[in-house]
Amino acid sequence: MEIIEKENKFLLLNDEREKVGEIDFENNGGKLTITHTEVQKVLRKEGLGERLVLSVVEKARETDLSLGATCPYAANYIKHHKRELEDVL
């Protein structure tokens, strides 16, 4: 699996370079807000959603932005990992 960045999103590609997941975000003047996270149903429970969220976390760190989420999956992830993410919250 490979994660590539496009404009305001990261795509998760399988070995055949087919999209199997994505995460969308907005840059709201100093804050990256995750708006949507999706992974193909057959690949859920493999930690791929977490990998996508962590891609946005890393982007926030690299660009010195804070992080938020309107996407329920990402908001729940942030809620349960506040200690590890405190530098971007």
PDB file of N, CA and C in Angstrom:
ATOM      1  N   MET A   1       0.840  -1.178   0.000  1.00  0.00           N
ATOM      2  CA  MET A   1       0.000   0.000   0.000  1.00  0.00           C
ATOM      3  C   MET A   1       0.885   1.240   0.000  1.00  0.00           C
ATOM      4  N   GLU A   2       0.433   2.224  -0.735  1.00  0.00           N
ATOM      5  CA  GLU A   2       1.166   3.485  -0.828  1.00  0.00           C
ATOM      6  C   GLU A   2       0.195   4.635  -0.594  1.00  0.00           C
ATOM      7  N   ILE A   3       0.649   5.658   0.090  1.00  0.00           N
ATOM      8  CA  ILE A   3      -0.158   6.859   0.293  1.00  0.00           C
ATOM      9  C   ILE A   3       0.494   7.990  -0.485  1.00  0.00           C
ATOM     10  N   ILE A   4      -0.306   8.638  -1.331  1.00  0.00           N
ATOM     11  CA  ILE A   4       0.198   9.773  -2.098  1.00  0.00           C
ATOM     12  C   ILE A   4      -0.659  11.000  -1.800  1.00  0.00           C
ATOM     13  N   GLU A   5      -0.029  12.154  -1.897  1.00  0.00           N
ATOM     14  CA  GLU A   5      -0.740  13.398  -1.619  1.00  0.00           C
ATOM     15  C   GLU A   5      -1.214  14.035  -2.912  1.00  0.00           C
ATOM     16  N   LYS A   6      -2.448  14.455  -2.904  1.00  0.00           N
ATOM     17  CA  LYS A   6      -3.041  15.267  -3.967  1.00  0.00           C
ATOM     18  C   LYS A   6      -3.504  16.557  -3.310  1.00  0.00           C
ATOM     19  N   GLU A   7      -4.134  17.440  -4.057  1.00  0.00           N
ATOM     20  CA  GLU A   7      -4.593  18.697  -3.480  1.00  0.00           C
ATOM     21  C   GLU A   7      -5.674  18.446  -2.437  1.00  0.00           C
ATOM     22  N   ASN A   8      -5.393  18.800  -1.197  1.00  0.00           N
ATOM     23  CA  ASN A   8      -6.324  18.675  -0.070  1.00  0.00           C
ATOM     24  C   ASN A   8      -6.799  17.250   0.196  1.00  0.00           C
ATOM     25  N   LYS A   9      -5.962  16.266  -0.124  1.00  0.00           N
ATOM     26  CA  LYS A   9      -6.319  14.873   0.176  1.00  0.00           C
ATOM     27  C   LYS A   9      -5.089  13.993   0.092  1.00  0.00           C
ATOM     28  N   PHE A  10      -5.197  12.846   0.721  1.00  0.00           N
ATOM     29  CA  PHE A  10      -4.234  11.769   0.551  1.00  0.00           C
ATOM     30  C   PHE A  10      -5.002  10.579   0.005  1.00  0.00           C
ATOM     31  N   LEU A  11      -4.395   9.884  -0.953  1.00  0.00           N
ATOM     32  CA  LEU A  11      -4.996   8.688  -1.533  1.00  0.00           C
ATOM     33  C   LEU A  11      -4.203   7.468  -1.089  1.00  0.00           C
ATOM     34  N   LEU A  12      -4.912   6.399  -0.792  1.00  0.00           N
ATOM     35  CA  LEU A  12      -4.299   5.124  -0.451  1.00  0.00           C
ATOM     36  C   LEU A  12      -4.426   4.230  -1.679  1.00  0.00           C
ATOM     37  N   LEU A  13      -3.276   3.799  -2.207  1.00  0.00           N
ATOM     38  CA  LEU A  13      -3.253   2.973  -3.412  1.00  0.00           C
ATOM     39  C   LEU A  13      -2.766   1.570  -3.075  1.00  0.00           C
ATOM     40  N   ASN A  14      -3.373   0.576  -3.739  1.00  0.00           N
ATOM     41  CA  ASN A  14      -2.905  -0.798  -3.551  1.00  0.00           C
ATOM     42  C   ASN A  14      -1.698  -1.052  -4.456  1.00  0.00           C
ATOM     43  N   ASP A  15      -1.215  -2.273  -4.483  1.00  0.00           N
ATOM     44  CA  ASP A  15      -0.021  -2.601  -5.264  1.00  0.00           C
ATOM     45  C   ASP A  15      -0.237  -2.441  -6.764  1.00  0.00           C
ATOM     46  N   GLU A  16      -1.492  -2.467  -7.198  1.00  0.00           N
ATOM     47  CA  GLU A  16      -1.813  -2.255  -8.614  1.00  0.00           C
ATOM     48  C   GLU A  16      -2.059  -0.772  -8.904  1.00  0.00           C
ATOM     49  N   ARG A  17      -1.808   0.079  -7.887  1.00  0.00           N
ATOM     50  CA  ARG A  17      -1.978   1.532  -7.964  1.00  0.00           C
ATOM     51  C   ARG A  17      -3.433   1.945  -8.148  1.00  0.00           C
ATOM     52  N   GLU A  18      -4.349   1.112  -7.651  1.00  0.00           N
ATOM     53  CA  GLU A  18      -5.771   1.448  -7.644  1.00  0.00           C
ATOM     54  C   GLU A  18      -6.099   2.095  -6.308  1.00  0.00           C
ATOM     55  N   LYS A  19      -6.969   3.105  -6.339  1.00  0.00           N
ATOM     56  CA  LYS A  19      -7.355   3.785  -5.105  1.00  0.00           C
ATOM     57  C   LYS A  19      -8.237   2.867  -4.271  1.00  0.00           C
ATOM     58  N   VAL A  20      -7.832   2.659  -3.021  1.00  0.00           N
ATOM     59  CA  VAL A  20      -8.616   1.831  -2.103  1.00  0.00           C
ATOM     60  C   VAL A  20      -9.033   2.614  -0.860  1.00  0.00           C
ATOM     61  N   GLY A  21      -8.591   3.870  -0.783  1.00  0.00           N
ATOM     62  CA  GLY A  21      -8.979   4.716   0.336  1.00  0.00           C
ATOM     63  C   GLY A  21      -8.556   6.147   0.096  1.00  0.00           C
ATOM     64  N   GLU A  22      -9.148   7.054   0.869  1.00  0.00           N
ATOM     65  CA  GLU A  22      -8.747   8.453   0.782  1.00  0.00           C
ATOM     66  C   GLU A  22      -9.152   9.200   2.040  1.00  0.00           C
ATOM     67  N   ILE A  23      -8.482  10.308   2.246  1.00  0.00           N
ATOM     68  CA  ILE A  23      -8.821  11.214   3.333  1.00  0.00           C
ATOM     69  C   ILE A  23      -8.774  12.623   2.763  1.00  0.00           C
ATOM     70  N   ASP A  24      -9.825  13.388   3.016  1.00  0.00           N
ATOM     71  CA  ASP A  24      -9.932  14.755   2.518  1.00  0.00           C
ATOM     72  C   ASP A  24      -9.799  15.720   3.683  1.00  0.00           C
ATOM     73  N   PHE A  25      -9.192  16.865   3.419  1.00  0.00           N
ATOM     74  CA  PHE A  25      -9.033  17.876   4.461  1.00  0.00           C
ATOM     75  C   PHE A  25      -9.078  19.265   3.843  1.00  0.00           C
ATOM     76  N   GLU A  26      -9.348  20.247   4.696  1.00  0.00           N
ATOM     77  CA  GLU A  26      -9.367  21.652   4.287  1.00  0.00           C
ATOM     78  C   GLU A  26      -8.328  22.397   5.107  1.00  0.00           C
ATOM     79  N   ASN A  27      -7.702  23.387   4.484  1.00  0.00           N
ATOM     80  CA  ASN A  27      -6.787  24.267   5.202  1.00  0.00           C
ATOM     81  C   ASN A  27      -7.552  25.541   5.503  1.00  0.00           C
ATOM     82  N   ASN A  28      -7.950  25.689   6.753  1.00  0.00           N
ATOM     83  CA  ASN A  28      -8.749  26.835   7.178  1.00  0.00           C
ATOM     84  C   ASN A  28      -7.886  27.835   7.930  1.00  0.00           C
ATOM     85  N   GLY A  29      -6.958  28.459   7.235  1.00  0.00           N
ATOM     86  CA  GLY A  29      -6.135  29.496   7.837  1.00  0.00           C
ATOM     87  C   GLY A  29      -5.465  29.098   9.128  1.00  0.00           C
ATOM     88  N   GLY A  30      -4.525  28.195   9.051  1.00  0.00           N
ATOM     89  CA  GLY A  30      -3.799  27.783  10.242  1.00  0.00           C
ATOM     90  C   GLY A  30      -4.257  26.469  10.843  1.00  0.00           C
ATOM     91  N   LYS A  31      -5.290  25.876  10.264  1.00  0.00           N
ATOM     92  CA  LYS A  31      -5.817  24.618  10.800  1.00  0.00           C
ATOM     93  C   LYS A  31      -6.182  23.676   9.655  1.00  0.00           C
ATOM     94  N   LEU A  32      -5.698  22.446   9.733  1.00  0.00           N
ATOM     95  CA  LEU A  32      -6.117  21.408   8.797  1.00  0.00           C
ATOM     96  C   LEU A  32      -7.304  20.685   9.419  1.00  0.00           C
ATOM     97  N   THR A  33      -8.426  20.698   8.715  1.00  0.00           N
ATOM     98  CA  THR A  33      -9.635  20.037   9.202  1.00  0.00           C
ATOM     99  C   THR A  33      -9.931  18.837   8.315  1.00  0.00           C
ATOM    100  N   ILE A  34      -9.914  17.652   8.904  1.00  0.00           N
ATOM    101  CA  ILE A  34     -10.231  16.427   8.163  1.00  0.00           C
ATOM    102  C   ILE A  34     -11.744  16.365   7.988  1.00  0.00           C
ATOM    103  N   THR A  35     -12.188  16.271   6.729  1.00  0.00           N
ATOM    104  CA  THR A  35     -13.619  16.298   6.435  1.00  0.00           C
ATOM    105  C   THR A  35     -14.186  14.940   6.028  1.00  0.00           C
ATOM    106  N   HIS A  36     -13.327  14.015   5.596  1.00  0.00           N
ATOM    107  CA  HIS A  36     -13.839  12.723   5.127  1.00  0.00           C
ATOM    108  C   HIS A  36     -12.707  11.704   5.131  1.00  0.00           C
ATOM    109  N   THR A  37     -13.005  10.515   5.605  1.00  0.00           N
ATOM    110  CA  THR A  37     -12.064   9.392   5.560  1.00  0.00           C
ATOM    111  C   THR A  37     -12.829   8.180   5.057  1.00  0.00           C
ATOM    112  N   GLU A  38     -12.231   7.479   4.102  1.00  0.00           N
ATOM    113  CA  GLU A  38     -12.903   6.296   3.553  1.00  0.00           C
ATOM    114  C   GLU A  38     -11.875   5.250   3.138  1.00  0.00           C
ATOM    115  N   VAL A  39     -12.153   3.997   3.475  1.00  0.00           N
ATOM    116  CA  VAL A  39     -11.351   2.854   3.057  1.00  0.00           C
ATOM    117  C   VAL A  39     -12.325   1.808   2.534  1.00  0.00           C
ATOM    118  N   GLN A  40     -11.947   1.125   1.446  1.00  0.00           N
ATOM    119  CA  GLN A  40     -12.827   0.082   0.905  1.00  0.00           C
ATOM    120  C   GLN A  40     -13.234  -0.885   2.014  1.00  0.00           C
ATOM    121  N   LYS A  41     -14.474  -1.283   1.960  1.00  0.00           N
ATOM    122  CA  LYS A  41     -15.063  -2.108   3.022  1.00  0.00           C
ATOM    123  C   LYS A  41     -14.251  -3.375   3.310  1.00  0.00           C
ATOM    124  N   VAL A  42     -13.772  -4.037   2.276  1.00  0.00           N
ATOM    125  CA  VAL A  42     -13.037  -5.296   2.474  1.00  0.00           C
ATOM    126  C   VAL A  42     -11.685  -5.082   3.152  1.00  0.00           C
ATOM    127  N   LEU A  43     -11.205  -3.841   3.197  1.00  0.00           N
ATOM    128  CA  LEU A  43      -9.902  -3.545   3.802  1.00  0.00           C
ATOM    129  C   LEU A  43     -10.009  -2.890   5.172  1.00  0.00           C
ATOM    130  N   ARG A  44     -11.217  -2.711   5.649  1.00  0.00           N
ATOM    131  CA  ARG A  44     -11.390  -2.102   6.965  1.00  0.00           C
ATOM    132  C   ARG A  44     -10.871  -3.053   8.042  1.00  0.00           C
ATOM    133  N   LYS A  45     -10.586  -2.510   9.186  1.00  0.00           N
ATOM    134  CA  LYS A  45     -10.038  -3.262  10.334  1.00  0.00           C
ATOM    135  C   LYS A  45      -8.571  -3.642  10.126  1.00  0.00           C
ATOM    136  N   GLU A  46      -7.898  -3.021   9.142  1.00  0.00           N
ATOM    137  CA  GLU A  46      -6.478  -3.291   8.907  1.00  0.00           C
ATOM    138  C   GLU A  46      -5.597  -2.104   9.276  1.00  0.00           C
ATOM    139  N   GLY A  47      -6.182  -1.082   9.898  1.00  0.00           N
ATOM    140  CA  GLY A  47      -5.400   0.080  10.310  1.00  0.00           C
ATOM    141  C   GLY A  47      -5.123   1.087   9.217  1.00  0.00           C
ATOM    142  N   LEU A  48      -5.804   0.941   8.083  1.00  0.00           N
ATOM    143  CA  LEU A  48      -5.536   1.836   6.961  1.00  0.00           C
ATOM    144  C   LEU A  48      -6.133   3.220   7.169  1.00  0.00           C
ATOM    145  N   GLY A  49      -7.282   3.292   7.827  1.00  0.00           N
ATOM    146  CA  GLY A  49      -7.857   4.594   8.169  1.00  0.00           C
ATOM    147  C   GLY A  49      -6.916   5.364   9.081  1.00  0.00           C
ATOM    148  N   GLU A  50      -6.338   4.672  10.035  1.00  0.00           N
ATOM    149  CA  GLU A  50      -5.370   5.299  10.940  1.00  0.00           C
ATOM    150  C   GLU A  50      -4.165   5.817  10.163  1.00  0.00           C
ATOM    151  N   ARG A  51      -3.667   5.036   9.220  1.00  0.00           N
ATOM    152  CA  ARG A  51      -2.532   5.486   8.402  1.00  0.00           C
ATOM    153  C   ARG A  51      -2.878   6.762   7.652  1.00  0.00           C
ATOM    154  N   LEU A  52      -4.111   6.853   7.154  1.00  0.00           N
ATOM    155  CA  LEU A  52      -4.522   8.063   6.443  1.00  0.00           C
ATOM    156  C   LEU A  52      -4.585   9.260   7.389  1.00  0.00           C
ATOM    157  N   VAL A  53      -5.178   9.066   8.559  1.00  0.00           N
ATOM    158  CA  VAL A  53      -5.238  10.157   9.543  1.00  0.00           C
ATOM    159  C   VAL A  53      -3.823  10.603   9.904  1.00  0.00           C
ATOM    160  N   LEU A  54      -2.928   9.659  10.119  1.00  0.00           N
ATOM    161  CA  LEU A  54      -1.559  10.008  10.494  1.00  0.00           C
ATOM    162  C   LEU A  54      -0.824  10.746   9.376  1.00  0.00           C
ATOM    163  N   SER A  55      -1.231  10.538   8.131  1.00  0.00           N
ATOM    164  CA  SER A  55      -0.657  11.309   7.023  1.00  0.00           C
ATOM    165  C   SER A  55      -1.006  12.786   7.163  1.00  0.00           C
ATOM    166  N   VAL A  56      -2.248  13.067   7.551  1.00  0.00           N
ATOM    167  CA  VAL A  56      -2.658  14.460   7.749  1.00  0.00           C
ATOM    168  C   VAL A  56      -1.988  15.032   8.999  1.00  0.00           C
ATOM    169  N   VAL A  57      -1.848  14.218  10.031  1.00  0.00           N
ATOM    170  CA  VAL A  57      -1.143  14.656  11.243  1.00  0.00           C
ATOM    171  C   VAL A  57       0.280  15.081  10.882  1.00  0.00           C
ATOM    172  N   GLU A  58       0.961  14.268  10.100  1.00  0.00           N
ATOM    173  CA  GLU A  58       2.334  14.586   9.707  1.00  0.00           C
ATOM    174  C   GLU A  58       2.381  15.864   8.875  1.00  0.00           C
ATOM    175  N   LYS A  59       1.413  16.050   7.996  1.00  0.00           N
ATOM    176  CA  LYS A  59       1.354  17.286   7.207  1.00  0.00           C
ATOM    177  C   LYS A  59       1.162  18.487   8.125  1.00  0.00           C
ATOM    178  N   ALA A  60       0.300  18.359   9.119  1.00  0.00           N
ATOM    179  CA  ALA A  60       0.089  19.454  10.073  1.00  0.00           C
ATOM    180  C   ALA A  60       1.397  19.780  10.796  1.00  0.00           C
ATOM    181  N   ARG A  61       2.125  18.761  11.194  1.00  0.00           N
ATOM    182  CA  ARG A  61       3.398  18.985  11.889  1.00  0.00           C
ATOM    183  C   ARG A  61       4.416  19.662  10.971  1.00  0.00           C
ATOM    184  N   GLU A  62       4.506  19.178   9.739  1.00  0.00           N
ATOM    185  CA  GLU A  62       5.481  19.722   8.792  1.00  0.00           C
ATOM    186  C   GLU A  62       5.188  21.172   8.432  1.00  0.00           C
ATOM    187  N   THR A  63       3.926  21.550   8.427  1.00  0.00           N
ATOM    188  CA  THR A  63       3.536  22.902   8.012  1.00  0.00           C
ATOM    189  C   THR A  63       3.196  23.797   9.192  1.00  0.00           C
ATOM    190  N   ASP A  64       3.416  23.298  10.405  1.00  0.00           N
ATOM    191  CA  ASP A  64       3.166  24.047  11.642  1.00  0.00           C
ATOM    192  C   ASP A  64       1.717  24.530  11.733  1.00  0.00           C
ATOM    193  N   LEU A  65       0.789  23.630  11.412  1.00  0.00           N
ATOM    194  CA  LEU A  65      -0.640  23.922  11.493  1.00  0.00           C
ATOM    195  C   LEU A  65      -1.265  23.072  12.591  1.00  0.00           C
ATOM    196  N   SER A  66      -2.417  23.493  13.070  1.00  0.00           N
ATOM    197  CA  SER A  66      -3.153  22.678  14.036  1.00  0.00           C
ATOM    198  C   SER A  66      -4.071  21.723  13.279  1.00  0.00           C
ATOM    199  N   LEU A  67      -4.701  20.825  14.013  1.00  0.00           N
ATOM    200  CA  LEU A  67      -5.497  19.759  13.410  1.00  0.00           C
ATOM    201  C   LEU A  67      -6.885  19.716  14.028  1.00  0.00           C
ATOM    202  N   GLY A  68      -7.876  19.478  13.191  1.00  0.00           N
ATOM    203  CA  GLY A  68      -9.244  19.291  13.648  1.00  0.00           C
ATOM    204  C   GLY A  68      -9.941  18.306  12.723  1.00  0.00           C
ATOM    205  N   ALA A  69     -11.187  17.974  13.036  1.00  0.00           N
ATOM    206  CA  ALA A  69     -11.911  17.017  12.201  1.00  0.00           C
ATOM    207  C   ALA A  69     -13.409  17.222  12.314  1.00  0.00           C
ATOM    208  N   THR A  70     -14.080  17.181  11.171  1.00  0.00           N
ATOM    209  CA  THR A  70     -15.533  17.088  11.140  1.00  0.00           C
ATOM    210  C   THR A  70     -15.947  15.672  10.752  1.00  0.00           C
ATOM    211  N   CYS A  71     -15.010  14.908  10.227  1.00  0.00           N
ATOM    212  CA  CYS A  71     -15.232  13.504   9.882  1.00  0.00           C
ATOM    213  C   CYS A  71     -15.335  12.699  11.178  1.00  0.00           C
ATOM    214  N   PRO A  72     -16.401  11.922  11.360  1.00  0.00           N
ATOM    215  CA  PRO A  72     -16.569  11.159  12.605  1.00  0.00           C
ATOM    216  C   PRO A  72     -15.406  10.206  12.914  1.00  0.00           C
ATOM    217  N   TYR A  73     -14.888   9.519  11.900  1.00  0.00           N
ATOM    218  CA  TYR A  73     -13.780   8.590  12.144  1.00  0.00           C
ATOM    219  C   TYR A  73     -12.557   9.339  12.666  1.00  0.00           C
ATOM    220  N   ALA A  74     -12.182  10.416  11.977  1.00  0.00           N
ATOM    221  CA  ALA A  74     -10.997  11.176  12.369  1.00  0.00           C
ATOM    222  C   ALA A  74     -11.200  11.851  13.725  1.00  0.00           C
ATOM    223  N   ALA A  75     -12.394  12.380  13.966  1.00  0.00           N
ATOM    224  CA  ALA A  75     -12.676  13.025  15.255  1.00  0.00           C
ATOM    225  C   ALA A  75     -12.538  12.018  16.394  1.00  0.00           C
ATOM    226  N   ASN A  76     -13.014  10.804  16.189  1.00  0.00           N
ATOM    227  CA  ASN A  76     -12.896   9.754  17.201  1.00  0.00           C
ATOM    228  C   ASN A  76     -11.430   9.369  17.413  1.00  0.00           C
ATOM    229  N   TYR A  77     -10.682   9.282  16.331  1.00  0.00           N
ATOM    230  CA  TYR A  77      -9.257   8.961  16.445  1.00  0.00           C
ATOM    231  C   TYR A  77      -8.548  10.028  17.273  1.00  0.00           C
ATOM    232  N   ILE A  78      -8.801  11.288  16.955  1.00  0.00           N
ATOM    233  CA  ILE A  78      -8.176  12.395  17.684  1.00  0.00           C
ATOM    234  C   ILE A  78      -8.559  12.340  19.161  1.00  0.00           C
ATOM    235  N   LYS A  79      -9.823  12.086  19.433  1.00  0.00           N
ATOM    236  CA  LYS A  79     -10.316  12.021  20.816  1.00  0.00           C
ATOM    237  C   LYS A  79      -9.560  10.972  21.632  1.00  0.00           C
ATOM    238  N   HIS A  80      -9.255   9.839  21.007  1.00  0.00           N
ATOM    239  CA  HIS A  80      -8.608   8.738  21.718  1.00  0.00           C
ATOM    240  C   HIS A  80      -7.079   8.780  21.676  1.00  0.00           C
ATOM    241  N   HIS A  81      -6.509   9.763  20.985  1.00  0.00           N
ATOM    242  CA  HIS A  81      -5.048   9.865  20.878  1.00  0.00           C
ATOM    243  C   HIS A  81      -4.564  11.279  21.193  1.00  0.00           C
ATOM    244  N   LYS A  82      -5.261  11.960  22.081  1.00  0.00           N
ATOM    245  CA  LYS A  82      -4.922  13.358  22.393  1.00  0.00           C
ATOM    246  C   LYS A  82      -3.486  13.520  22.882  1.00  0.00           C
ATOM    247  N   ARG A  83      -3.028  12.599  23.681  1.00  0.00           N
ATOM    248  CA  ARG A  83      -1.673  12.719  24.232  1.00  0.00           C
ATOM    249  C   ARG A  83      -0.624  12.711  23.112  1.00  0.00           C
ATOM    250  N   GLU A  84      -0.751  11.776  22.167  1.00  0.00           N
ATOM    251  CA  GLU A  84       0.216  11.687  21.067  1.00  0.00           C
ATOM    252  C   GLU A  84       0.094  12.851  20.089  1.00  0.00           C
ATOM    253  N   LEU A  85      -1.075  13.470  20.054  1.00  0.00           N
ATOM    254  CA  LEU A  85      -1.339  14.531  19.075  1.00  0.00           C
ATOM    255  C   LEU A  85      -1.335  15.927  19.676  1.00  0.00           C
ATOM    256  N   GLU A  86      -0.982  16.046  20.951  1.00  0.00           N
ATOM    257  CA  GLU A  86      -1.118  17.336  21.635  1.00  0.00           C
ATOM    258  C   GLU A  86      -0.356  18.463  20.948  1.00  0.00           C
ATOM    259  N   ASP A  87       0.711  18.151  20.218  1.00  0.00           N
ATOM    260  CA  ASP A  87       1.478  19.204  19.549  1.00  0.00           C
ATOM    261  C   ASP A  87       0.740  19.825  18.366  1.00  0.00           C
ATOM    262  N   VAL A  88      -0.306  19.158  17.863  1.00  0.00           N
ATOM    263  CA  VAL A  88      -1.066  19.715  16.731  1.00  0.00           C
ATOM    264  C   VAL A  88      -2.508  20.047  17.095  1.00  0.00           C
ATOM    265  N   LEU A  89      -2.887  19.853  18.340  1.00  0.00           N
ATOM    266  CA  LEU A  89      -4.260  20.161  18.750  1.00  0.00           C
ATOM    267  C   LEU A  89      -4.352  21.557  19.342  1.00  0.00           C
TER     268      LEU A  89
END
